Amino acid sequence: MISILRRLCRPLQSRKVRVALATVLAAYLAEYGLQLSEEMILTIIGVGVSLILGIAHEDAGKRSSGPPR
């Protein structure tokens, strides 16, 4: 049982997954609970996508941080 729980929680170690979940949760809350405008929802999603792309760019830089050839 514990191994199943660990397997389910393993993706949460990734910053990209956590940002994606927070972005989707914020967008759903804005759509159904907070009564925000469509522009605000798109802003929330845009910021989330930007963060995910920034993290991916940072991760790619870590792998290629050796001396240039």
PDB file of N, CA and C in Angstrom:
ATOM      1  N   MET A   1       0.821  -1.198   0.000  1.00  0.00           N
ATOM      2  CA  MET A   1       0.000   0.000   0.000  1.00  0.00           C
ATOM      3  C   MET A   1       0.862   1.258   0.000  1.00  0.00           C
ATOM      4  N   ILE A   2       1.929   1.254   0.787  1.00  0.00           N
ATOM      5  CA  ILE A   2       2.811   2.418   0.845  1.00  0.00           C
ATOM      6  C   ILE A   2       3.523   2.618  -0.490  1.00  0.00           C
ATOM      7  N   SER A   3       3.894   1.523  -1.153  1.00  0.00           N
ATOM      8  CA  SER A   3       4.582   1.661  -2.441  1.00  0.00           C
ATOM      9  C   SER A   3       3.663   2.267  -3.493  1.00  0.00           C
ATOM     10  N   ILE A   4       2.382   1.957  -3.430  1.00  0.00           N
ATOM     11  CA  ILE A   4       1.425   2.549  -4.372  1.00  0.00           C
ATOM     12  C   ILE A   4       1.305   4.048  -4.109  1.00  0.00           C
ATOM     13  N   LEU A   5       1.248   4.430  -2.862  1.00  0.00           N
ATOM     14  CA  LEU A   5       1.168   5.847  -2.503  1.00  0.00           C
ATOM     15  C   LEU A   5       2.422   6.597  -2.941  1.00  0.00           C
ATOM     16  N   ARG A   6       3.581   5.986  -2.748  1.00  0.00           N
ATOM     17  CA  ARG A   6       4.831   6.614  -3.206  1.00  0.00           C
ATOM     18  C   ARG A   6       4.843   6.772  -4.715  1.00  0.00           C
ATOM     19  N   ARG A   7       4.355   5.762  -5.418  1.00  0.00           N
ATOM     20  CA  ARG A   7       4.330   5.815  -6.881  1.00  0.00           C
ATOM     21  C   ARG A   7       3.390   6.915  -7.369  1.00  0.00           C
ATOM     22  N   LEU A   8       2.288   7.100  -6.665  1.00  0.00           N
ATOM     23  CA  LEU A   8       1.352   8.156  -7.047  1.00  0.00           C
ATOM     24  C   LEU A   8       1.897   9.549  -6.749  1.00  0.00           C
ATOM     25  N   CYS A   9       2.697   9.676  -5.698  1.00  0.00           N
ATOM     26  CA  CYS A   9       3.232  10.983  -5.299  1.00  0.00           C
ATOM     27  C   CYS A   9       4.558  11.327  -5.981  1.00  0.00           C
ATOM     28  N   ARG A  10       5.181  10.376  -6.644  1.00  0.00           N
ATOM     29  CA  ARG A  10       6.484  10.611  -7.274  1.00  0.00           C
ATOM     30  C   ARG A  10       6.463  11.756  -8.293  1.00  0.00           C
ATOM     31  N   PRO A  11       5.433  11.885  -9.136  1.00  0.00           N
ATOM     32  CA  PRO A  11       5.439  13.012 -10.079  1.00  0.00           C
ATOM     33  C   PRO A  11       5.420  14.378  -9.405  1.00  0.00           C
ATOM     34  N   LEU A  12       4.946  14.458  -8.172  1.00  0.00           N
ATOM     35  CA  LEU A  12       4.898  15.746  -7.477  1.00  0.00           C
ATOM     36  C   LEU A  12       6.279  16.260  -7.097  1.00  0.00           C
ATOM     37  N   GLN A  13       7.314  15.456  -7.278  1.00  0.00           N
ATOM     38  CA  GLN A  13       8.673  15.914  -7.017  1.00  0.00           C
ATOM     39  C   GLN A  13       9.149  16.865  -8.113  1.00  0.00           C
ATOM     40  N   SER A  14       8.513  16.800  -9.263  1.00  0.00           N
ATOM     41  CA  SER A  14       8.884  17.662 -10.385  1.00  0.00           C
ATOM     42  C   SER A  14       8.264  19.048 -10.215  1.00  0.00           C
ATOM     43  N   ARG A  15       9.087  20.082 -10.384  1.00  0.00           N
ATOM     44  CA  ARG A  15       8.569  21.448 -10.289  1.00  0.00           C
ATOM     45  C   ARG A  15       7.568  21.731 -11.401  1.00  0.00           C
ATOM     46  N   LYS A  16       7.810  21.169 -12.587  1.00  0.00           N
ATOM     47  CA  LYS A  16       6.900  21.399 -13.708  1.00  0.00           C
ATOM     48  C   LYS A  16       5.509  20.837 -13.418  1.00  0.00           C
ATOM     49  N   VAL A  17       5.449  19.669 -12.812  1.00  0.00           N
ATOM     50  CA  VAL A  17       4.154  19.064 -12.481  1.00  0.00           C
ATOM     51  C   VAL A  17       3.438  19.893 -11.423  1.00  0.00           C
ATOM     52  N   ARG A  18       4.164  20.358 -10.421  1.00  0.00           N
ATOM     53  CA  ARG A  18       3.542  21.176  -9.376  1.00  0.00           C
ATOM     54  C   ARG A  18       3.008  22.487  -9.943  1.00  0.00           C
ATOM     55  N   VAL A  19       3.762  23.123 -10.836  1.00  0.00           N
ATOM     56  CA  VAL A  19       3.298  24.374 -11.447  1.00  0.00           C
ATOM     57  C   VAL A  19       2.086  24.106 -12.322  1.00  0.00           C
ATOM     58  N   ALA A  20       2.108  23.005 -13.071  1.00  0.00           N
ATOM     59  CA  ALA A  20       0.964  22.669 -13.924  1.00  0.00           C
ATOM     60  C   ALA A  20      -0.289  22.423 -13.090  1.00  0.00           C
ATOM     61  N   LEU A  21      -0.164  21.683 -11.997  1.00  0.00           N
ATOM     62  CA  LEU A  21      -1.323  21.438 -11.137  1.00  0.00           C
ATOM     63  C   LEU A  21      -1.844  22.730 -10.515  1.00  0.00           C
ATOM     64  N   ALA A  22      -0.943  23.581 -10.058  1.00  0.00           N
ATOM     65  CA  ALA A  22      -1.365  24.855  -9.474  1.00  0.00           C
ATOM     66  C   ALA A  22      -2.048  25.738 -10.512  1.00  0.00           C
ATOM     67  N   THR A  23      -1.546  25.728 -11.741  1.00  0.00           N
ATOM     68  CA  THR A  23      -2.137  26.536 -12.805  1.00  0.00           C
ATOM     69  C   THR A  23      -3.538  26.053 -13.145  1.00  0.00           C
ATOM     70  N   VAL A  24      -3.687  24.747 -13.299  1.00  0.00           N
ATOM     71  CA  VAL A  24      -5.006  24.201 -13.624  1.00  0.00           C
ATOM     72  C   VAL A  24      -5.987  24.438 -12.481  1.00  0.00           C
ATOM     73  N   LEU A  25      -5.535  24.235 -11.257  1.00  0.00           N
ATOM     74  CA  LEU A  25      -6.396  24.471 -10.100  1.00  0.00           C
ATOM     75  C   LEU A  25      -6.820  25.940 -10.024  1.00  0.00           C
ATOM     76  N   ALA A  26      -5.894  26.850 -10.221  1.00  0.00           N
ATOM     77  CA  ALA A  26      -6.221  28.279 -10.180  1.00  0.00           C
ATOM     78  C   ALA A  26      -7.192  28.655 -11.296  1.00  0.00           C
ATOM     79  N   ALA A  27      -6.992  28.082 -12.473  1.00  0.00           N
ATOM     80  CA  ALA A  27      -7.896  28.387 -13.586  1.00  0.00           C
ATOM     81  C   ALA A  27      -9.306  27.863 -13.309  1.00  0.00           C
ATOM     82  N   TYR A  28      -9.416  26.654 -12.764  1.00  0.00           N
ATOM     83  CA  TYR A  28     -10.740  26.129 -12.427  1.00  0.00           C
ATOM     84  C   TYR A  28     -11.405  26.945 -11.328  1.00  0.00           C
ATOM     85  N   LEU A  29     -10.645  27.325 -10.311  1.00  0.00           N
ATOM     86  CA  LEU A  29     -11.218  28.157  -9.256  1.00  0.00           C
ATOM     87  C   LEU A  29     -11.679  29.504  -9.801  1.00  0.00           C
ATOM     88  N   ALA A  30     -10.882  30.054 -10.695  1.00  0.00           N
ATOM     89  CA  ALA A  30     -11.257  31.348 -11.280  1.00  0.00           C
ATOM     90  C   ALA A  30     -12.498  31.204 -12.150  1.00  0.00           C
ATOM     91  N   GLU A  31     -12.598  30.104 -12.863  1.00  0.00           N
ATOM     92  CA  GLU A  31     -13.732  29.901 -13.762  1.00  0.00           C
ATOM     93  C   GLU A  31     -15.027  29.627 -12.996  1.00  0.00           C
ATOM     94  N   TYR A  32     -14.948  28.798 -11.968  1.00  0.00           N
ATOM     95  CA  TYR A  32     -16.172  28.336 -11.315  1.00  0.00           C
ATOM     96  C   TYR A  32     -16.411  28.924  -9.926  1.00  0.00           C
ATOM     97  N   GLY A  33     -15.402  29.509  -9.305  1.00  0.00           N
ATOM     98  CA  GLY A  33     -15.626  29.970  -7.950  1.00  0.00           C
ATOM     99  C   GLY A  33     -15.435  31.454  -7.743  1.00  0.00           C
ATOM    100  N   LEU A  34     -14.496  32.046  -8.412  1.00  0.00           N
ATOM    101  CA  LEU A  34     -14.137  33.435  -8.134  1.00  0.00           C
ATOM    102  C   LEU A  34     -14.779  34.445  -9.073  1.00  0.00           C
ATOM    103  N   GLN A  35     -15.417  33.988 -10.137  1.00  0.00           N
ATOM    104  CA  GLN A  35     -16.095  34.867 -11.093  1.00  0.00           C
ATOM    105  C   GLN A  35     -15.150  35.921 -11.670  1.00  0.00           C
ATOM    106  N   LEU A  36     -13.996  35.476 -12.155  1.00  0.00           N
ATOM    107  CA  LEU A  36     -13.051  36.390 -12.780  1.00  0.00           C
ATOM    108  C   LEU A  36     -13.330  36.491 -14.269  1.00  0.00           C
ATOM    109  N   SER A  37     -12.775  37.502 -14.882  1.00  0.00           N
ATOM    110  CA  SER A  37     -12.974  37.694 -16.311  1.00  0.00           C
ATOM    111  C   SER A  37     -12.153  36.677 -17.106  1.00  0.00           C
ATOM    112  N   GLU A  38     -12.506  36.548 -18.358  1.00  0.00           N
ATOM    113  CA  GLU A  38     -11.797  35.613 -19.232  1.00  0.00           C
ATOM    114  C   GLU A  38     -10.335  36.017 -19.392  1.00  0.00           C
ATOM    115  N   GLU A  39     -10.056  37.305 -19.403  1.00  0.00           N
ATOM    116  CA  GLU A  39      -8.681  37.776 -19.528  1.00  0.00           C
ATOM    117  C   GLU A  39      -7.833  37.352 -18.337  1.00  0.00           C
ATOM    118  N   MET A  40      -8.414  37.378 -17.137  1.00  0.00           N
ATOM    119  CA  MET A  40      -7.683  36.980 -15.945  1.00  0.00           C
ATOM    120  C   MET A  40      -7.370  35.483 -15.976  1.00  0.00           C
ATOM    121  N   ILE A  41      -8.312  34.683 -16.442  1.00  0.00           N
ATOM    122  CA  ILE A  41      -8.076  33.235 -16.550  1.00  0.00           C
ATOM    123  C   ILE A  41      -6.959  32.969 -17.539  1.00  0.00           C
ATOM    124  N   LEU A  42      -6.992  33.664 -18.669  1.00  0.00           N
ATOM    125  CA  LEU A  42      -5.928  33.489 -19.657  1.00  0.00           C
ATOM    126  C   LEU A  42      -4.583  33.960 -19.116  1.00  0.00           C
ATOM    127  N   THR A  43      -4.587  34.986 -18.281  1.00  0.00           N
ATOM    128  CA  THR A  43      -3.353  35.449 -17.650  1.00  0.00           C
ATOM    129  C   THR A  43      -2.791  34.393 -16.710  1.00  0.00           C
ATOM    130  N   ILE A  44      -3.656  33.774 -15.925  1.00  0.00           N
ATOM    131  CA  ILE A  44      -3.215  32.707 -15.014  1.00  0.00           C
ATOM    132  C   ILE A  44      -2.598  31.567 -15.795  1.00  0.00           C
ATOM    133  N   ILE A  45      -3.258  31.152 -16.859  1.00  0.00           N
ATOM    134  CA  ILE A  45      -2.735  30.052 -17.672  1.00  0.00           C
ATOM    135  C   ILE A  45      -1.431  30.460 -18.357  1.00  0.00           C
ATOM    136  N   GLY A  46      -1.368  31.682 -18.841  1.00  0.00           N
ATOM    137  CA  GLY A  46      -0.147  32.153 -19.504  1.00  0.00           C
ATOM    138  C   GLY A  46       1.048  32.193 -18.569  1.00  0.00           C
ATOM    139  N   VAL A  47       0.836  32.637 -17.341  1.00  0.00           N
ATOM    140  CA  VAL A  47       1.920  32.671 -16.361  1.00  0.00           C
ATOM    141  C   VAL A  47       2.373  31.248 -16.037  1.00  0.00           C
ATOM    142  N   GLY A  48       1.426  30.329 -15.892  1.00  0.00           N
ATOM    143  CA  GLY A  48       1.782  28.940 -15.622  1.00  0.00           C
ATOM    144  C   GLY A  48       2.604  28.332 -16.748  1.00  0.00           C
ATOM    145  N   VAL A  49       2.189  28.573 -17.975  1.00  0.00           N
ATOM    146  CA  VAL A  49       2.936  28.060 -19.124  1.00  0.00           C
ATOM    147  C   VAL A  49       4.326  28.679 -19.179  1.00  0.00           C
ATOM    148  N   SER A  50       4.425  29.963 -18.898  1.00  0.00           N
ATOM    149  CA  SER A  50       5.730  30.625 -18.892  1.00  0.00           C
ATOM    150  C   SER A  50       6.660  30.033 -17.837  1.00  0.00           C
ATOM    151  N   LEU A  51       6.116  29.760 -16.666  1.00  0.00           N
ATOM    152  CA  LEU A  51       6.931  29.146 -15.612  1.00  0.00           C
ATOM    153  C   LEU A  51       7.412  27.755 -16.018  1.00  0.00           C
ATOM    154  N   ILE A  52       6.526  26.965 -16.608  1.00  0.00           N
ATOM    155  CA  ILE A  52       6.912  25.619 -17.035  1.00  0.00           C
ATOM    156  C   ILE A  52       8.000  25.689 -18.102  1.00  0.00           C
ATOM    157  N   LEU A  53       7.860  26.594 -19.058  1.00  0.00           N
ATOM    158  CA  LEU A  53       8.889  26.739 -20.094  1.00  0.00           C
ATOM    159  C   LEU A  53      10.204  27.226 -19.500  1.00  0.00           C
ATOM    160  N   GLY A  54      10.136  28.128 -18.533  1.00  0.00           N
ATOM    161  CA  GLY A  54      11.352  28.600 -17.874  1.00  0.00           C
ATOM    162  C   GLY A  54      12.059  27.495 -17.115  1.00  0.00           C
ATOM    163  N   ILE A  55      11.300  26.659 -16.429  1.00  0.00           N
ATOM    164  CA  ILE A  55      11.893  25.531 -15.707  1.00  0.00           C
ATOM    165  C   ILE A  55      12.516  24.547 -16.688  1.00  0.00           C
ATOM    166  N   ALA A  56      11.831  24.283 -17.803  1.00  0.00           N
ATOM    167  CA  ALA A  56      12.386  23.371 -18.808  1.00  0.00           C
ATOM    168  C   ALA A  56      13.675  23.931 -19.396  1.00  0.00           C
ATOM    169  N   HIS A  57      13.709  25.237 -19.644  1.00  0.00           N
ATOM    170  CA  HIS A  57      14.916  25.869 -20.170  1.00  0.00           C
ATOM    171  C   HIS A  57      16.057  25.770 -19.150  1.00  0.00           C
ATOM    172  N   GLU A  58      15.742  25.992 -17.896  1.00  0.00           N
ATOM    173  CA  GLU A  58      16.739  25.897 -16.832  1.00  0.00           C
ATOM    174  C   GLU A  58      17.262  24.463 -16.710  1.00  0.00           C
ATOM    175  N   ASP A  59      16.367  23.487 -16.776  1.00  0.00           N
ATOM    176  CA  ASP A  59      16.780  22.089 -16.701  1.00  0.00           C
ATOM    177  C   ASP A  59      17.662  21.700 -17.885  1.00  0.00           C
ATOM    178  N   ALA A  60      17.366  22.210 -19.063  1.00  0.00           N
ATOM    179  CA  ALA A  60      18.177  21.905 -20.233  1.00  0.00           C
ATOM    180  C   ALA A  60      19.565  22.516 -20.098  1.00  0.00           C
ATOM    181  N   GLY A  61      19.656  23.677 -19.469  1.00  0.00           N
ATOM    182  CA  GLY A  61      20.947  24.316 -19.250  1.00  0.00           C
ATOM    183  C   GLY A  61      21.821  23.561 -18.269  1.00  0.00           C
ATOM    184  N   LYS A  62      21.199  22.892 -17.316  1.00  0.00           N
ATOM    185  CA  LYS A  62      21.957  22.104 -16.329  1.00  0.00           C
ATOM    186  C   LYS A  62      22.662  20.925 -16.988  1.00  0.00           C
ATOM    187  N   ARG A  63      21.994  20.318 -17.962  1.00  0.00           N
ATOM    188  CA  ARG A  63      22.566  19.144 -18.623  1.00  0.00           C
ATOM    189  C   ARG A  63      23.703  19.513 -19.555  1.00  0.00           C
ATOM    190  N   SER A  64      23.663  20.696 -20.128  1.00  0.00           N
ATOM    191  CA  SER A  64      24.686  21.081 -21.085  1.00  0.00           C
ATOM    192  C   SER A  64      25.644  22.120 -20.496  1.00  0.00           C
ATOM    193  N   SER A  65      25.878  22.078 -19.213  1.00  0.00           N
ATOM    194  CA  SER A  65      26.698  23.107 -18.567  1.00  0.00           C
ATOM    195  C   SER A  65      28.192  22.804 -18.643  1.00  0.00           C
ATOM    196  N   GLY A  66      28.573  21.830 -19.422  1.00  0.00           N
ATOM    197  CA  GLY A  66      29.983  21.511 -19.575  1.00  0.00           C
ATOM    198  C   GLY A  66      30.690  22.559 -20.429  1.00  0.00           C
ATOM    199  N   PRO A  67      31.990  22.431 -20.598  1.00  0.00           N
ATOM    200  CA  PRO A  67      32.724  23.400 -21.412  1.00  0.00           C
ATOM    201  C   PRO A  67      32.313  23.294 -22.883  1.00  0.00           C
ATOM    202  N   PRO A  68      32.275  24.411 -23.593  1.00  0.00           N
ATOM    203  CA  PRO A  68      31.893  24.378 -25.006  1.00  0.00           C
ATOM    204  C   PRO A  68      32.940  23.621 -25.837  1.00  0.00           C
ATOM    205  N   ARG A  69      32.465  23.000 -26.885  1.00  0.00           N
ATOM    206  CA  ARG A  69      33.368  22.226 -27.764  1.00  0.00           C
ATOM    207  C   ARG A  69      33.740  23.022 -28.985  1.00  0.00           C
TER     208      ARG A  69
END
